[in-house]
């Protein structure tokens, strides 16, 4: 089996409103479709990333730099091919962008591996479970949104089959955001997973004050509480000062970056994002390291991929999605055979590879190359 062709197609879909957190704005949903064909007829087709602006740049790296390194290679030699691709990060450049491009190709290689073996990626990674709880990212800041509106939003989230919600915080004072979390808990009820995400919005003092205001609300984790400039050290302080578990890792793009968080005793969960950091191959390294240190695995978004990764390992936790179709029209419509959440759980597809069937008309409509 040899790699015959590699395609990369950038996709951009404008959103109808701003889905912003404490430190960012989201006005469009972007991704990259990657296809790899082999000389014996196998085809991988996956999508990676939720980037705001640079999907075309990622696709260009794939086509101009990665494809020439891989054409004619055996796609089953994933570790060796990952090293060949990773060599493009050695010179002075935007390394994170390069790793996002590597992630696209690496994910497609895992899809091919599954199809060659007749096994799902979840099975290739260990096949620990066949279904997982699924939560949504919501609770965004919106002009005119009241506490009562936030409570009703949680009720709606439960009604569409979610087990819980990640609520955005960090954009207001600790006291004001604590009121928002209390309203969310009231609307959601007791038997509902509620986690909070500050997107590196606070200093340690404010993060600790906030955590103490919401500890009684049964919060599953406090994600990225502290400013990016010294996050590992500051999160360690927060973790020692609160009973709420700390989650971070989505802003790291190497396994070594996650090691830094673990060595600082800053995390209870790691939500390392395979699409931001070199793909399934690097995520697997992180998952092994976290297992040794008794740190649980989450994943930043990407439910069509993360359900396979988190389902494959014993310490996987919740699949994250955007239940609101206005926030993620790709999750809603691009996968024609996607599993639907039922009673807070989602079944891991058992088809070979990632088992994705993508809407080709939608790809043609929103491609920007």
Protein backbone atom coordinates (compact mmCIF):
# COMPACT_ATOMS: atom_id res chain seq x y z
CA UNK A 1 0.00 0.00 0.00
CA UNK A 2 1.37 3.42 -1.01
CA UNK A 3 0.10 6.98 -0.76
CA UNK A 4 -0.95 8.13 -4.22
CA UNK A 5 -2.55 11.56 -3.67
CA UNK A 6 -3.13 14.05 -0.83
CA UNK A 7 -5.76 16.81 -1.00
CA UNK A 8 -6.44 19.67 1.42
CA UNK A 9 -9.55 21.83 1.15
CA UNK A 10 -10.10 24.87 3.43
CA UNK A 11 -13.71 25.51 4.49
CA UNK A 12 -15.18 28.72 5.93
CA UNK A 13 -18.80 29.29 6.97
CA UNK A 14 -19.89 32.74 8.29
CA UNK A 15 -21.83 32.62 11.56
CA UNK A 16 -24.91 34.72 12.24
CA UNK A 17 -23.63 36.14 15.55
CA UNK A 18 -20.50 36.45 17.65
CA UNK A 19 -19.88 33.42 19.87
CA UNK A 20 -17.24 34.97 22.09
CA UNK A 21 -15.60 34.07 25.39
CA UNK A 22 -13.56 36.13 27.79
CA UNK A 23 -10.61 36.70 25.44
CA UNK A 24 -11.80 36.02 21.88
CA UNK A 25 -14.53 36.39 19.25
CA UNK A 26 -15.86 33.73 16.84
CA UNK A 27 -17.55 35.01 13.68
CA UNK A 28 -17.04 32.06 11.33
CA UNK A 29 -16.62 28.28 11.48
CA UNK A 30 -13.55 27.07 9.65
CA UNK A 31 -11.93 23.70 9.04
CA UNK A 32 -9.72 21.77 6.61
CA UNK A 33 -10.87 18.66 4.74
CA UNK A 34 -7.98 16.23 4.15
CA UNK A 35 -8.19 13.33 1.69
CA UNK A 36 -5.53 10.68 1.15
CA UNK A 37 -5.82 8.05 -1.57
CA UNK A 38 -3.70 4.92 -1.82
CA UNK A 39 -2.69 2.91 -4.86
CA UNK A 40 -4.93 0.04 -3.78
CA UNK A 41 -8.09 2.15 -3.63
CA UNK A 42 -8.43 3.15 0.03
CA UNK A 43 -9.55 6.72 0.69
CA UNK A 44 -9.30 8.65 3.94
CA UNK A 45 -11.46 11.75 4.37
CA UNK A 46 -11.46 13.72 7.63
CA UNK A 47 -11.75 17.29 8.86
CA UNK A 48 -9.72 19.09 11.50
CA UNK A 49 -9.75 22.38 13.30
CA UNK A 50 -12.00 25.24 14.37
CA UNK A 51 -9.64 28.02 13.34
CA UNK A 52 -10.95 31.51 12.72
CA UNK A 53 -8.82 32.77 9.86
CA UNK A 54 -6.03 30.55 8.61
CA UNK A 55 -7.49 27.37 7.13
CA UNK A 56 -6.16 28.33 3.65
CA UNK A 57 -2.66 28.70 5.09
CA UNK A 58 -2.89 25.25 6.70
CA UNK A 59 -4.06 23.71 3.42
CA UNK A 60 -1.14 25.34 1.60
CA UNK A 61 1.39 23.80 4.01
CA UNK A 62 -0.20 20.39 3.48
CA UNK A 63 -0.07 20.64 -0.30
CA UNK A 64 3.30 22.39 -0.70
CA UNK A 65 5.37 20.90 2.13
CA UNK A 66 3.83 17.74 3.57
CA UNK A 67 2.45 15.98 0.51
CA UNK A 68 5.83 15.86 -1.31
CA UNK A 69 7.34 14.15 1.75
CA UNK A 70 4.67 11.44 1.88
CA UNK A 71 3.75 10.53 -1.68
CA UNK A 72 4.81 6.97 -2.40
CA UNK A 73 5.14 6.11 1.31
CA UNK A 74 3.38 3.30 3.17
CA UNK A 75 0.62 5.08 5.17
CA UNK A 76 0.68 2.42 7.89
CA UNK A 77 4.10 3.60 9.10
CA UNK A 78 2.50 6.43 11.04
CA UNK A 79 5.25 7.16 13.57
CA UNK A 80 7.95 7.37 10.88
CA UNK A 81 5.78 9.56 8.65
CA UNK A 82 4.99 11.81 11.62
CA UNK A 83 8.73 12.36 12.11
CA UNK A 84 9.16 13.17 8.42
CA UNK A 85 6.40 15.77 8.65
CA UNK A 86 7.58 17.17 11.97
CA UNK A 87 10.90 18.10 10.37
CA UNK A 88 9.22 21.15 8.78
CA UNK A 89 8.97 22.68 12.28
CA UNK A 90 12.75 22.68 12.79
CA UNK A 91 13.39 26.00 11.07
CA UNK A 92 12.21 29.42 12.24
CA UNK A 93 8.52 29.72 11.32
CA UNK A 94 5.03 29.69 12.79
CA UNK A 95 5.40 26.23 14.33
CA UNK A 96 1.85 26.00 15.62
CA UNK A 97 0.48 26.52 12.12
CA UNK A 98 2.81 23.79 10.86
CA UNK A 99 1.64 21.42 13.59
CA UNK A 100 -1.99 22.08 12.68
CA UNK A 101 -1.16 21.08 9.11
CA UNK A 102 0.61 17.95 10.36
CA UNK A 103 -2.47 17.17 12.47
CA UNK A 104 -4.69 17.14 9.39
CA UNK A 105 -2.51 14.62 7.56
CA UNK A 106 -1.83 12.51 10.66
CA UNK A 107 -5.57 12.24 11.35
CA UNK A 108 -6.16 11.09 7.78
CA UNK A 109 -3.40 8.48 8.19
CA UNK A 110 -5.18 7.08 11.26
CA UNK A 111 -8.41 6.98 9.23
CA UNK A 112 -6.56 5.01 6.54
CA UNK A 113 -5.05 2.68 9.13
CA UNK A 114 -8.50 1.88 10.48
CA UNK A 115 -9.85 1.23 7.00
CA UNK A 116 -6.88 -1.00 6.17
CA UNK A 117 -7.41 -3.02 9.38
CA UNK A 118 -11.23 -3.00 9.31
CA UNK A 119 -11.29 -1.37 12.77
CA UNK A 120 -12.40 1.96 14.19
CA UNK A 121 -9.78 4.41 15.43
CA UNK A 122 -11.26 3.89 18.90
CA UNK A 123 -10.39 0.19 18.62
CA UNK A 124 -6.89 0.99 17.34
CA UNK A 125 -6.30 3.18 20.40
CA UNK A 126 -7.50 0.55 22.86
CA UNK A 127 -11.27 0.25 22.48
CA UNK A 128 -11.97 0.83 26.16
CA UNK A 129 -15.62 1.89 25.77
CA UNK A 130 -18.25 2.24 23.08
CA UNK A 131 -20.13 5.28 24.39
CA UNK A 132 -19.28 8.42 26.34
CA UNK A 133 -21.10 11.30 28.02
CA UNK A 134 -21.36 14.36 25.78
CA UNK A 135 -21.44 18.00 26.88
CA UNK A 136 -21.85 21.22 24.94
CA UNK A 137 -19.91 24.46 24.98
CA UNK A 138 -22.34 27.31 25.56
CA UNK A 139 -23.21 30.03 28.07
CA UNK A 140 -21.58 32.68 25.90
CA UNK A 141 -21.55 36.37 26.67
CA UNK A 142 -24.25 38.12 24.65
CA UNK A 143 -25.55 41.66 24.83
CA UNK A 144 -28.85 41.77 26.72
CA UNK A 145 -28.59 38.17 27.95
CA UNK A 146 -30.03 37.88 31.45
CA UNK A 147 -29.47 35.35 34.20
CA UNK A 148 -32.94 33.98 33.47
CA UNK A 149 -31.96 33.57 29.81
CA UNK A 150 -28.89 31.61 30.87
CA UNK A 151 -30.98 29.32 33.06
CA UNK A 152 -33.39 28.67 30.18
CA UNK A 153 -30.43 27.94 27.91
CA UNK A 154 -29.35 25.15 30.27
CA UNK A 155 -32.86 23.70 30.19
CA UNK A 156 -32.72 23.65 26.37
CA UNK A 157 -29.30 22.00 26.41
CA UNK A 158 -30.63 19.19 28.57
CA UNK A 159 -33.62 18.80 26.24
CA UNK A 160 -31.41 18.12 23.19
CA UNK A 161 -29.66 15.17 24.83
CA UNK A 162 -26.61 16.76 26.46
CA UNK A 163 -25.20 15.45 29.74
CA UNK A 164 -23.80 18.85 30.66
CA UNK A 165 -22.44 22.22 29.62
CA UNK A 166 -19.19 24.16 29.66
CA UNK A 167 -20.11 27.74 30.60
CA UNK A 168 -17.92 30.67 29.57
CA UNK A 169 -16.52 32.79 32.40
CA UNK A 170 -13.52 35.08 32.87
CA UNK A 171 -14.90 38.08 31.01
CA UNK A 172 -16.53 39.76 33.99
CA UNK A 173 -15.63 40.18 37.64
CA UNK A 174 -15.48 36.98 39.72
CA UNK A 175 -18.66 38.04 41.52
CA UNK A 176 -20.63 38.70 38.33
CA UNK A 177 -19.51 35.48 36.69
CA UNK A 178 -20.32 33.53 39.86
CA UNK A 179 -23.91 34.77 39.55
CA UNK A 180 -23.98 33.49 35.96
CA UNK A 181 -22.78 30.06 37.04
CA UNK A 182 -25.36 29.93 39.84
CA UNK A 183 -28.08 30.75 37.30
CA UNK A 184 -26.79 28.00 35.02
CA UNK A 185 -26.89 25.47 37.85
CA UNK A 186 -30.42 26.52 38.74
CA UNK A 187 -31.57 26.04 35.17
CA UNK A 188 -29.70 22.78 34.66
CA UNK A 189 -30.67 21.01 37.86
CA UNK A 190 -28.52 18.87 40.13
CA UNK A 191 -27.87 15.82 37.93
CA UNK A 192 -26.16 17.80 35.16
CA UNK A 193 -22.43 18.14 34.44
CA UNK A 194 -21.47 21.80 34.81
CA UNK A 195 -17.93 22.95 34.05
CA UNK A 196 -16.57 26.47 33.57
CA UNK A 197 -13.98 27.90 31.17
CA UNK A 198 -12.20 31.23 31.69
CA UNK A 199 -10.06 30.98 28.53
CA UNK A 200 -7.07 32.35 30.48
CA UNK A 201 -9.07 35.39 31.50
CA UNK A 202 -8.03 36.01 35.13
CA UNK A 203 -5.00 36.44 37.35
CA UNK A 204 -4.59 33.89 40.13
CA UNK A 205 -6.16 36.11 42.80
CA UNK A 206 -9.39 36.60 40.84
CA UNK A 207 -9.49 32.96 39.76
CA UNK A 208 -9.21 31.81 43.38
CA UNK A 209 -11.89 34.26 44.49
CA UNK A 210 -14.21 33.04 41.74
CA UNK A 211 -13.60 29.38 42.50
CA UNK A 212 -14.49 29.86 46.16
CA UNK A 213 -17.74 31.57 45.16
CA UNK A 214 -18.86 28.57 43.08
CA UNK A 215 -17.40 25.56 44.93
CA UNK A 216 -20.79 24.73 46.42
CA UNK A 217 -22.35 24.41 42.95
CA UNK A 218 -20.74 21.01 42.16
CA UNK A 219 -18.49 22.18 39.32
CA UNK A 220 -16.79 19.41 37.35
CA UNK A 221 -13.73 21.47 36.39
CA UNK A 222 -12.39 25.00 36.13
CA UNK A 223 -10.72 25.32 32.73
CA UNK A 224 -7.78 27.57 31.87
CA UNK A 225 -8.35 29.95 34.79
CA UNK A 226 -5.19 32.05 34.46
CA UNK A 227 -3.42 34.44 32.13
CA UNK A 228 -1.28 32.82 29.43
CA UNK A 229 1.96 34.54 30.41
CA UNK A 230 2.57 32.31 33.45
CA UNK A 231 -0.32 29.90 33.33
CA UNK A 232 1.30 26.73 34.71
CA UNK A 233 2.62 28.42 37.86
CA UNK A 234 -0.57 30.41 38.41
CA UNK A 235 -2.85 27.41 37.83
CA UNK A 236 -0.85 25.47 40.38
CA UNK A 237 -1.68 28.18 42.92
CA UNK A 238 -5.36 28.05 42.00
CA UNK A 239 -5.45 24.25 42.16
CA UNK A 240 -4.02 24.25 45.68
CA UNK A 241 -6.55 26.86 46.80
CA UNK A 242 -9.77 25.25 45.55
CA UNK A 243 -11.61 21.95 45.67
CA UNK A 244 -12.63 22.33 42.00
CA UNK A 245 -10.46 20.25 39.62
CA UNK A 246 -8.41 22.24 37.09
CA UNK A 247 -8.42 21.54 33.35
CA UNK A 248 -5.95 22.89 30.78
CA UNK A 249 -3.97 21.81 27.74
CA UNK A 250 -5.90 23.03 24.72
CA UNK A 251 -3.44 25.91 24.33
CA UNK A 252 -0.45 23.56 24.32
CA UNK A 253 0.67 22.13 21.00
CA UNK A 254 3.33 19.62 22.09
CA UNK A 255 3.46 16.74 24.53
CA UNK A 256 6.30 18.59 26.23
CA UNK A 257 3.97 21.53 26.88
CA UNK A 258 1.59 19.20 28.70
CA UNK A 259 4.51 17.76 30.67
CA UNK A 260 5.15 21.33 31.90
CA UNK A 261 1.59 21.51 33.27
CA UNK A 262 1.91 18.15 35.00
CA UNK A 263 5.29 18.99 36.53
CA UNK A 264 3.80 22.22 37.90
CA UNK A 265 1.01 20.13 39.53
CA UNK A 266 -1.39 22.47 37.76
CA UNK A 267 -3.96 20.08 36.25
CA UNK A 268 -6.43 17.32 37.08
CA UNK A 269 -7.70 17.10 33.49
CA UNK A 270 -5.87 17.69 30.20
CA UNK A 271 -7.91 18.69 27.15
CA UNK A 272 -5.08 18.50 24.63
CA UNK A 273 -6.44 19.16 21.13
CA UNK A 274 -5.22 16.72 18.49
CA UNK A 275 -6.11 19.13 15.67
CA UNK A 276 -3.99 21.92 17.14
CA UNK A 277 -0.94 19.87 17.96
CA UNK A 278 0.20 17.29 15.45
CA UNK A 279 -2.73 14.90 15.39
CA UNK A 280 -3.72 11.60 16.92
CA UNK A 281 -0.10 10.46 17.16
CA UNK A 282 0.89 13.28 19.51
CA UNK A 283 -2.39 13.04 21.44
CA UNK A 284 -1.67 9.36 22.11
CA UNK A 285 1.70 10.32 23.64
CA UNK A 286 -0.02 12.85 25.89
CA UNK A 287 -2.68 10.32 26.92
CA UNK A 288 0.01 7.84 27.96
CA UNK A 289 1.85 10.46 30.00
CA UNK A 290 -1.35 11.58 31.73
CA UNK A 291 -2.22 8.01 32.60
CA UNK A 292 1.08 7.60 34.45
CA UNK A 293 0.41 10.75 36.50
CA UNK A 294 -3.28 9.96 37.19
CA UNK A 295 -4.49 12.93 35.14
CA UNK A 296 -7.77 12.46 33.26
CA UNK A 297 -8.14 13.11 29.53
CA UNK A 298 -10.64 15.46 27.98
CA UNK A 299 -10.48 16.97 24.49
CA UNK A 300 -11.05 20.47 23.16
CA UNK A 301 -14.08 20.29 20.81
CA UNK A 302 -13.88 18.06 17.68
CA UNK A 303 -16.47 15.45 18.78
CA UNK A 304 -16.18 13.41 15.55
CA UNK A 305 -12.53 12.73 16.44
CA UNK A 306 -12.51 12.97 20.23
CA UNK A 307 -15.11 10.27 20.79
CA UNK A 308 -12.68 7.79 19.24
CA UNK A 309 -9.69 9.02 21.25
CA UNK A 310 -11.47 9.33 24.58
CA UNK A 311 -13.30 6.05 24.02
CA UNK A 312 -10.02 4.28 23.39
CA UNK A 313 -8.40 4.98 26.76
CA UNK A 314 -9.47 4.19 30.36
CA UNK A 315 -9.07 7.78 31.58
CA UNK A 316 -11.16 9.48 28.88
CA UNK A 317 -13.99 11.70 30.12
CA UNK A 318 -16.47 13.88 28.19
CA UNK A 319 -16.93 14.49 24.48
CA UNK A 320 -17.42 18.20 23.74
CA UNK A 321 -19.61 19.58 20.96
CA UNK A 322 -21.54 22.71 20.07
CA UNK A 323 -25.19 21.72 20.45
CA UNK A 324 -26.30 25.05 19.00
CA UNK A 325 -26.29 24.57 15.20
CA UNK A 326 -25.69 28.29 14.74
CA UNK A 327 -22.30 27.89 16.46
CA UNK A 328 -21.20 24.80 14.52
CA UNK A 329 -23.00 24.21 11.21
CA UNK A 330 -20.20 21.79 10.26
CA UNK A 331 -20.96 19.36 13.13
CA UNK A 332 -24.66 19.75 12.36
CA UNK A 333 -24.59 19.19 8.60
CA UNK A 334 -21.22 18.09 7.19
CA UNK A 335 -21.28 14.54 8.60
CA UNK A 336 -24.20 12.80 6.91
CA UNK A 337 -24.02 9.74 9.18
CA UNK A 338 -23.09 11.28 12.54
CA UNK A 339 -24.40 9.65 15.73
CA UNK A 340 -26.96 11.60 17.72
CA UNK A 341 -26.75 12.15 21.49
CA UNK A 342 -29.33 10.26 23.51
CA UNK A 343 -29.90 10.81 27.24
CA UNK A 344 -26.52 12.48 27.67
CA UNK A 345 -24.44 9.87 25.82
CA UNK A 346 -23.06 9.43 22.32
CA UNK A 347 -22.17 6.10 20.73
CA UNK A 348 -18.69 5.76 19.23
CA UNK A 349 -19.05 4.74 15.56
CA UNK A 350 -17.77 1.21 14.95
CA UNK A 351 -17.15 1.65 11.23
CA UNK A 352 -13.52 1.41 10.01
CA UNK A 353 -11.37 4.49 10.63
CA UNK A 354 -13.34 7.45 11.92
CA UNK A 355 -16.33 6.24 9.91
CA UNK A 356 -17.14 9.67 8.49
CA UNK A 357 -19.32 10.25 5.46
CA UNK A 358 -19.10 13.93 4.48
CA UNK A 359 -21.58 16.01 2.47
CA UNK A 360 -19.70 16.72 -0.76
CA UNK A 361 -22.13 19.43 -1.86
CA UNK A 362 -21.49 21.32 1.39
CA UNK A 363 -17.74 21.06 0.83
CA UNK A 364 -18.08 22.48 -2.68
CA UNK A 365 -20.28 25.33 -1.42
CA UNK A 366 -17.99 26.54 1.37
CA UNK A 367 -14.49 25.79 0.10
CA UNK A 368 -12.31 28.91 -0.08
CA UNK A 369 -9.33 27.72 -2.13
